[in-house]
N, C-alpha and C. Protein backbone atom coordinates (compact mmCIF):
# COMPACT_ATOMS: atom_id res chain seq x y z
N MET A 1 -84.03 -113.72 -41.80
CA MET A 1 -85.25 -114.48 -41.98
C MET A 1 -86.46 -113.55 -41.87
N LYS A 2 -87.33 -113.65 -42.84
CA LYS A 2 -88.49 -112.76 -42.93
C LYS A 2 -89.62 -113.28 -42.04
N PRO A 3 -90.22 -112.41 -41.23
CA PRO A 3 -91.31 -112.88 -40.37
C PRO A 3 -92.56 -113.21 -41.20
N THR A 4 -93.21 -114.29 -40.83
CA THR A 4 -94.43 -114.69 -41.54
C THR A 4 -95.64 -114.18 -40.77
N SER A 5 -96.63 -113.78 -41.51
CA SER A 5 -97.83 -113.23 -40.87
C SER A 5 -98.74 -114.36 -40.38
N VAL A 6 -99.67 -113.99 -39.55
CA VAL A 6 -100.63 -114.94 -39.00
C VAL A 6 -101.45 -115.58 -40.11
N LYS A 7 -101.81 -114.77 -41.10
CA LYS A 7 -102.64 -115.28 -42.20
C LYS A 7 -101.89 -116.31 -43.04
N GLN A 8 -100.59 -116.10 -43.27
CA GLN A 8 -99.80 -117.07 -44.02
C GLN A 8 -99.69 -118.39 -43.26
N ILE A 9 -99.46 -118.31 -41.97
CA ILE A 9 -99.37 -119.51 -41.14
C ILE A 9 -100.71 -120.24 -41.14
N ALA A 10 -101.80 -119.50 -41.04
CA ALA A 10 -103.13 -120.10 -41.05
C ALA A 10 -103.40 -120.81 -42.37
N LYS A 11 -103.03 -120.18 -43.48
CA LYS A 11 -103.22 -120.81 -44.80
C LYS A 11 -102.43 -122.11 -44.91
N GLN A 12 -101.20 -122.11 -44.39
CA GLN A 12 -100.39 -123.33 -44.42
C GLN A 12 -101.03 -124.43 -43.59
N ARG A 13 -101.50 -124.10 -42.41
CA ARG A 13 -102.12 -125.09 -41.53
C ARG A 13 -103.40 -125.64 -42.13
N ILE A 14 -104.18 -124.77 -42.76
CA ILE A 14 -105.42 -125.21 -43.41
C ILE A 14 -105.11 -126.20 -44.52
N GLN A 15 -104.11 -125.89 -45.31
CA GLN A 15 -103.72 -126.77 -46.41
C GLN A 15 -103.26 -128.13 -45.87
N ILE A 16 -102.48 -128.12 -44.82
CA ILE A 16 -101.99 -129.37 -44.21
C ILE A 16 -103.16 -130.19 -43.68
N LEU A 17 -104.10 -129.53 -43.00
CA LEU A 17 -105.25 -130.24 -42.45
C LEU A 17 -106.11 -130.87 -43.55
N PHE A 18 -106.31 -130.17 -44.66
CA PHE A 18 -107.09 -130.74 -45.76
C PHE A 18 -106.37 -131.93 -46.39
N GLU A 19 -105.05 -131.84 -46.53
CA GLU A 19 -104.29 -132.97 -47.07
C GLU A 19 -104.41 -134.18 -46.15
N GLN A 20 -104.30 -133.96 -44.85
CA GLN A 20 -104.43 -135.06 -43.89
C GLN A 20 -105.84 -135.64 -43.92
N ALA A 21 -106.85 -134.79 -44.06
CA ALA A 21 -108.23 -135.27 -44.13
C ALA A 21 -108.43 -136.17 -45.35
N LYS A 22 -107.82 -135.80 -46.47
CA LYS A 22 -107.94 -136.62 -47.68
C LYS A 22 -107.26 -137.98 -47.51
N GLN A 23 -106.14 -137.99 -46.79
CA GLN A 23 -105.42 -139.24 -46.58
C GLN A 23 -106.17 -140.18 -45.63
N VAL A 24 -106.81 -139.62 -44.61
CA VAL A 24 -107.43 -140.42 -43.56
C VAL A 24 -108.89 -140.76 -43.87
N ARG A 25 -109.47 -140.12 -44.87
CA ARG A 25 -110.89 -140.22 -45.17
C ARG A 25 -111.42 -141.65 -45.25
N LYS A 26 -110.69 -142.56 -45.91
CA LYS A 26 -111.19 -143.93 -46.09
C LYS A 26 -111.12 -144.75 -44.81
N THR A 27 -110.04 -144.59 -44.07
CA THR A 27 -109.85 -145.41 -42.87
C THR A 27 -110.60 -144.86 -41.66
N ASN A 28 -110.65 -143.53 -41.52
CA ASN A 28 -111.28 -142.93 -40.34
C ASN A 28 -112.02 -141.65 -40.73
N PRO A 29 -113.27 -141.76 -41.20
CA PRO A 29 -114.00 -140.56 -41.64
C PRO A 29 -114.26 -139.55 -40.52
N GLN A 30 -114.40 -140.02 -39.29
CA GLN A 30 -114.62 -139.10 -38.17
C GLN A 30 -113.41 -138.20 -37.95
N LEU A 31 -112.21 -138.75 -38.07
CA LEU A 31 -111.00 -137.96 -37.92
C LEU A 31 -110.89 -136.94 -39.05
N ALA A 32 -111.28 -137.34 -40.26
CA ALA A 32 -111.27 -136.42 -41.39
C ALA A 32 -112.22 -135.25 -41.13
N LYS A 33 -113.39 -135.53 -40.55
CA LYS A 33 -114.34 -134.47 -40.20
C LYS A 33 -113.73 -133.50 -39.19
N GLN A 34 -113.01 -134.05 -38.21
CA GLN A 34 -112.37 -133.21 -37.20
C GLN A 34 -111.32 -132.30 -37.83
N TYR A 35 -110.54 -132.84 -38.77
CA TYR A 35 -109.53 -132.04 -39.46
C TYR A 35 -110.18 -130.88 -40.20
N ILE A 36 -111.27 -131.16 -40.90
CA ILE A 36 -111.96 -130.12 -41.67
C ILE A 36 -112.56 -129.08 -40.73
N LYS A 37 -113.13 -129.54 -39.62
CA LYS A 37 -113.72 -128.63 -38.65
C LYS A 37 -112.67 -127.69 -38.07
N SER A 38 -111.50 -128.23 -37.74
CA SER A 38 -110.44 -127.38 -37.17
C SER A 38 -109.87 -126.44 -38.23
N ALA A 39 -109.82 -126.88 -39.49
CA ALA A 39 -109.36 -126.00 -40.56
C ALA A 39 -110.30 -124.81 -40.72
N ARG A 40 -111.61 -125.08 -40.62
CA ARG A 40 -112.59 -124.00 -40.69
C ARG A 40 -112.43 -123.02 -39.54
N ARG A 41 -112.20 -123.55 -38.35
CA ARG A 41 -112.02 -122.69 -37.19
C ARG A 41 -110.78 -121.81 -37.33
N ILE A 42 -109.71 -122.38 -37.85
CA ILE A 42 -108.49 -121.61 -38.07
C ILE A 42 -108.77 -120.47 -39.04
N ALA A 43 -109.51 -120.77 -40.12
CA ALA A 43 -109.83 -119.75 -41.12
C ALA A 43 -110.66 -118.63 -40.50
N MET A 44 -111.62 -118.99 -39.66
CA MET A 44 -112.46 -117.97 -39.02
C MET A 44 -111.65 -117.13 -38.04
N ALA A 45 -110.76 -117.78 -37.30
CA ALA A 45 -109.97 -117.05 -36.31
C ALA A 45 -109.00 -116.08 -36.97
N ALA A 46 -108.43 -116.50 -38.12
CA ALA A 46 -107.47 -115.65 -38.83
C ALA A 46 -108.17 -114.68 -39.78
N LYS A 47 -109.50 -114.80 -39.87
CA LYS A 47 -110.30 -113.94 -40.76
C LYS A 47 -109.85 -114.04 -42.21
N ILE A 48 -109.69 -115.29 -42.67
CA ILE A 48 -109.37 -115.53 -44.08
C ILE A 48 -110.43 -116.45 -44.67
N ARG A 49 -110.59 -116.38 -45.96
CA ARG A 49 -111.54 -117.24 -46.65
C ARG A 49 -110.87 -118.57 -46.98
N LEU A 50 -111.67 -119.62 -46.93
CA LEU A 50 -111.17 -120.91 -47.37
C LEU A 50 -111.06 -120.87 -48.89
N PRO A 51 -110.03 -121.48 -49.46
CA PRO A 51 -109.95 -121.53 -50.91
C PRO A 51 -111.16 -122.24 -51.51
N VAL A 52 -111.53 -121.86 -52.72
CA VAL A 52 -112.74 -122.36 -53.38
C VAL A 52 -112.70 -123.89 -53.49
N GLU A 53 -111.54 -124.46 -53.82
CA GLU A 53 -111.47 -125.91 -53.98
C GLU A 53 -111.74 -126.64 -52.66
N PHE A 54 -111.37 -126.04 -51.54
CA PHE A 54 -111.66 -126.65 -50.24
C PHE A 54 -113.14 -126.52 -49.91
N LYS A 55 -113.74 -125.38 -50.24
CA LYS A 55 -115.16 -125.17 -49.98
C LYS A 55 -116.01 -126.19 -50.74
N ARG A 56 -115.62 -126.46 -51.96
CA ARG A 56 -116.41 -127.37 -52.80
C ARG A 56 -116.20 -128.83 -52.45
N GLU A 57 -115.17 -129.14 -51.70
CA GLU A 57 -114.88 -130.52 -51.32
C GLU A 57 -115.46 -130.89 -49.97
N THR A 58 -116.12 -129.94 -49.29
CA THR A 58 -116.63 -130.24 -47.96
C THR A 58 -118.09 -129.86 -47.84
N CYS A 59 -118.77 -130.52 -46.91
CA CYS A 59 -120.16 -130.20 -46.59
C CYS A 59 -120.15 -129.18 -45.47
N LYS A 60 -120.87 -128.07 -45.66
CA LYS A 60 -120.91 -127.03 -44.64
C LYS A 60 -121.69 -127.46 -43.41
N ASN A 61 -122.61 -128.38 -43.57
CA ASN A 61 -123.47 -128.79 -42.48
C ASN A 61 -122.80 -129.82 -41.55
N CYS A 62 -122.23 -130.90 -42.13
CA CYS A 62 -121.68 -131.98 -41.30
C CYS A 62 -120.16 -132.09 -41.38
N ASN A 63 -119.49 -131.18 -42.09
CA ASN A 63 -118.03 -131.14 -42.22
C ASN A 63 -117.43 -132.39 -42.85
N ALA A 64 -118.20 -133.13 -43.63
CA ALA A 64 -117.69 -134.33 -44.28
C ALA A 64 -116.91 -133.95 -45.53
N LEU A 65 -115.89 -134.73 -45.83
CA LEU A 65 -115.13 -134.55 -47.06
C LEU A 65 -115.94 -135.22 -48.18
N LEU A 66 -116.37 -134.45 -49.16
CA LEU A 66 -117.26 -134.96 -50.20
C LEU A 66 -116.48 -135.64 -51.31
N VAL A 67 -116.86 -136.88 -51.60
CA VAL A 67 -116.26 -137.65 -52.68
C VAL A 67 -117.40 -138.14 -53.57
N GLN A 68 -117.35 -137.77 -54.84
CA GLN A 68 -118.43 -138.10 -55.76
C GLN A 68 -118.63 -139.61 -55.85
N GLY A 69 -119.87 -140.05 -55.70
CA GLY A 69 -120.20 -141.46 -55.78
C GLY A 69 -120.05 -142.20 -54.46
N TYR A 70 -119.35 -141.61 -53.51
CA TYR A 70 -119.14 -142.26 -52.21
C TYR A 70 -120.10 -141.67 -51.17
N ASN A 71 -120.07 -140.36 -51.00
CA ASN A 71 -120.96 -139.73 -50.03
C ASN A 71 -121.58 -138.43 -50.54
N CYS A 72 -121.53 -138.20 -51.85
CA CYS A 72 -122.21 -137.03 -52.41
C CYS A 72 -122.71 -137.33 -53.82
N ARG A 73 -123.72 -136.56 -54.21
CA ARG A 73 -124.29 -136.69 -55.54
C ARG A 73 -124.17 -135.34 -56.22
N ILE A 74 -123.74 -135.33 -57.48
CA ILE A 74 -123.56 -134.09 -58.21
C ILE A 74 -124.47 -134.10 -59.43
N ARG A 75 -125.29 -133.06 -59.55
CA ARG A 75 -126.23 -132.94 -60.67
C ARG A 75 -126.11 -131.56 -61.30
N ILE A 76 -126.39 -131.49 -62.59
CA ILE A 76 -126.44 -130.21 -63.29
C ILE A 76 -127.90 -129.88 -63.54
N LYS A 77 -128.31 -128.70 -63.13
CA LYS A 77 -129.69 -128.26 -63.30
C LYS A 77 -129.74 -127.07 -64.24
N GLN A 78 -130.83 -126.95 -65.00
CA GLN A 78 -130.98 -125.86 -65.97
C GLN A 78 -132.07 -124.86 -65.58
N LYS A 79 -132.84 -125.14 -64.53
CA LYS A 79 -133.93 -124.23 -64.16
C LYS A 79 -133.36 -122.89 -63.73
N ARG A 80 -134.08 -121.83 -64.11
CA ARG A 80 -133.68 -120.44 -63.85
C ARG A 80 -132.30 -120.18 -64.43
N GLU A 81 -131.28 -120.38 -63.63
CA GLU A 81 -129.89 -120.21 -64.07
C GLU A 81 -129.24 -121.59 -64.12
N PRO A 82 -128.39 -121.87 -65.09
CA PRO A 82 -127.69 -123.16 -65.06
C PRO A 82 -126.77 -123.23 -63.85
N HIS A 83 -126.86 -124.33 -63.09
CA HIS A 83 -126.05 -124.48 -61.89
C HIS A 83 -125.80 -125.95 -61.59
N VAL A 84 -124.81 -126.20 -60.74
CA VAL A 84 -124.48 -127.54 -60.28
C VAL A 84 -125.01 -127.67 -58.85
N VAL A 85 -125.64 -128.80 -58.56
CA VAL A 85 -126.14 -129.05 -57.21
C VAL A 85 -125.35 -130.23 -56.63
N ILE A 86 -124.69 -130.00 -55.51
CA ILE A 86 -123.94 -131.04 -54.82
C ILE A 86 -124.73 -131.40 -53.57
N THR A 87 -125.17 -132.66 -53.47
CA THR A 87 -125.95 -133.13 -52.34
C THR A 87 -125.11 -134.06 -51.48
N CYS A 88 -124.99 -133.73 -50.19
CA CYS A 88 -124.28 -134.59 -49.25
C CYS A 88 -125.21 -135.75 -48.88
N LEU A 89 -124.74 -136.98 -49.04
CA LEU A 89 -125.58 -138.13 -48.73
C LEU A 89 -125.56 -138.48 -47.25
N ASN A 90 -124.69 -137.84 -46.47
CA ASN A 90 -124.66 -138.06 -45.02
C ASN A 90 -125.78 -137.28 -44.33
N CYS A 91 -125.92 -135.99 -44.68
CA CYS A 91 -126.90 -135.15 -43.98
C CYS A 91 -127.98 -134.59 -44.90
N GLY A 92 -127.82 -134.70 -46.21
CA GLY A 92 -128.82 -134.20 -47.15
C GLY A 92 -128.67 -132.74 -47.52
N ASN A 93 -127.64 -132.08 -47.03
CA ASN A 93 -127.41 -130.67 -47.34
C ASN A 93 -127.08 -130.49 -48.82
N GLN A 94 -127.64 -129.44 -49.43
CA GLN A 94 -127.38 -129.16 -50.84
C GLN A 94 -126.61 -127.87 -51.00
N THR A 95 -125.63 -127.88 -51.91
CA THR A 95 -124.84 -126.70 -52.24
C THR A 95 -125.02 -126.43 -53.72
N ARG A 96 -125.31 -125.18 -54.06
CA ARG A 96 -125.49 -124.80 -55.46
C ARG A 96 -124.34 -123.94 -55.92
N ILE A 97 -123.82 -124.25 -57.12
CA ILE A 97 -122.72 -123.49 -57.69
C ILE A 97 -123.18 -123.02 -59.07
N SER A 98 -123.19 -121.73 -59.27
CA SER A 98 -123.62 -121.16 -60.54
C SER A 98 -122.61 -121.48 -61.63
N LEU A 99 -123.09 -121.76 -62.83
CA LEU A 99 -122.20 -122.05 -63.94
C LEU A 99 -121.87 -120.82 -64.77
N ARG A 100 -122.56 -119.72 -64.49
CA ARG A 100 -122.25 -118.47 -65.18
C ARG A 100 -121.25 -117.68 -64.37
N LYS A 101 -120.41 -116.96 -65.06
CA LYS A 101 -119.44 -116.12 -64.38
C LYS A 101 -120.14 -114.89 -63.82
N LYS A 102 -119.57 -114.31 -62.80
CA LYS A 102 -120.17 -113.14 -62.14
C LYS A 102 -120.36 -111.99 -63.13
N LYS A 103 -119.33 -111.74 -63.95
CA LYS A 103 -119.40 -110.64 -64.90
C LYS A 103 -120.54 -110.86 -65.90
N GLU A 104 -120.66 -112.11 -66.35
CA GLU A 104 -121.70 -112.45 -67.31
C GLU A 104 -123.09 -112.26 -66.69
N GLN A 105 -123.24 -112.64 -65.41
CA GLN A 105 -124.51 -112.47 -64.72
C GLN A 105 -124.86 -110.99 -64.59
N MET A 106 -123.89 -110.18 -64.25
CA MET A 106 -124.13 -108.74 -64.10
C MET A 106 -124.60 -108.14 -65.42
N GLU A 107 -123.96 -108.52 -66.53
CA GLU A 107 -124.35 -107.99 -67.83
C GLU A 107 -125.77 -108.40 -68.19
N LEU A 108 -126.13 -109.66 -67.92
CA LEU A 108 -127.48 -110.13 -68.20
C LEU A 108 -128.52 -109.36 -67.38
N GLU A 109 -128.23 -109.14 -66.11
CA GLU A 109 -129.16 -108.41 -65.26
C GLU A 109 -129.32 -106.97 -65.74
N GLN A 110 -128.22 -106.34 -66.16
CA GLN A 110 -128.29 -104.97 -66.65
C GLN A 110 -129.09 -104.90 -67.94
N ASN A 111 -128.89 -105.88 -68.86
CA ASN A 111 -129.64 -105.90 -70.10
C ASN A 111 -131.13 -106.10 -69.83
N ASN A 112 -131.47 -106.99 -68.91
CA ASN A 112 -132.88 -107.22 -68.56
C ASN A 112 -133.49 -105.97 -67.96
N TYR A 113 -132.74 -105.28 -67.11
CA TYR A 113 -133.24 -104.08 -66.47
C TYR A 113 -133.46 -102.96 -67.49
N SER A 114 -132.53 -102.80 -68.43
CA SER A 114 -132.67 -101.75 -69.44
C SER A 114 -133.83 -102.06 -70.39
N ASN A 115 -134.03 -103.36 -70.70
CA ASN A 115 -135.17 -103.75 -71.55
C ASN A 115 -136.50 -103.47 -70.87
N GLU A 116 -136.58 -103.71 -69.56
CA GLU A 116 -137.81 -103.47 -68.82
C GLU A 116 -138.09 -101.97 -68.70
N ALA A 117 -137.04 -101.19 -68.53
CA ALA A 117 -137.19 -99.74 -68.39
C ALA A 117 -137.65 -99.10 -69.70
N ALA A 118 -137.24 -99.69 -70.82
CA ALA A 118 -137.59 -99.15 -72.12
C ALA A 118 -139.07 -99.39 -72.47
N CYS A 119 -139.64 -100.44 -71.88
CA CYS A 119 -141.05 -100.78 -72.19
C CYS A 119 -142.03 -99.85 -71.56
């Protein structure tokens, strides 16, 4: 039997906690918040990042599980850079997610910089 590392165990526990939070969310939202809070603590203790899908499903401020139309509002904004704004209706915290890929952003910045240098 192959020994499992602390990080693998932490990832498994985080996944289980998020699944349980999704199941309990409607009947007991406070318990769902506790599950998310403990999943975050496990990730910090094991020094691993939370998967992107888990980050986008939770509020960083109040640890609520975000469900569109129930406790969060999702809008697409075009100012400056195109991005999605997710607003938690429990605490009012806003999360912005860029719609451009990192590589594409880097290329745009380099092109703008080279154009400015040429002038």
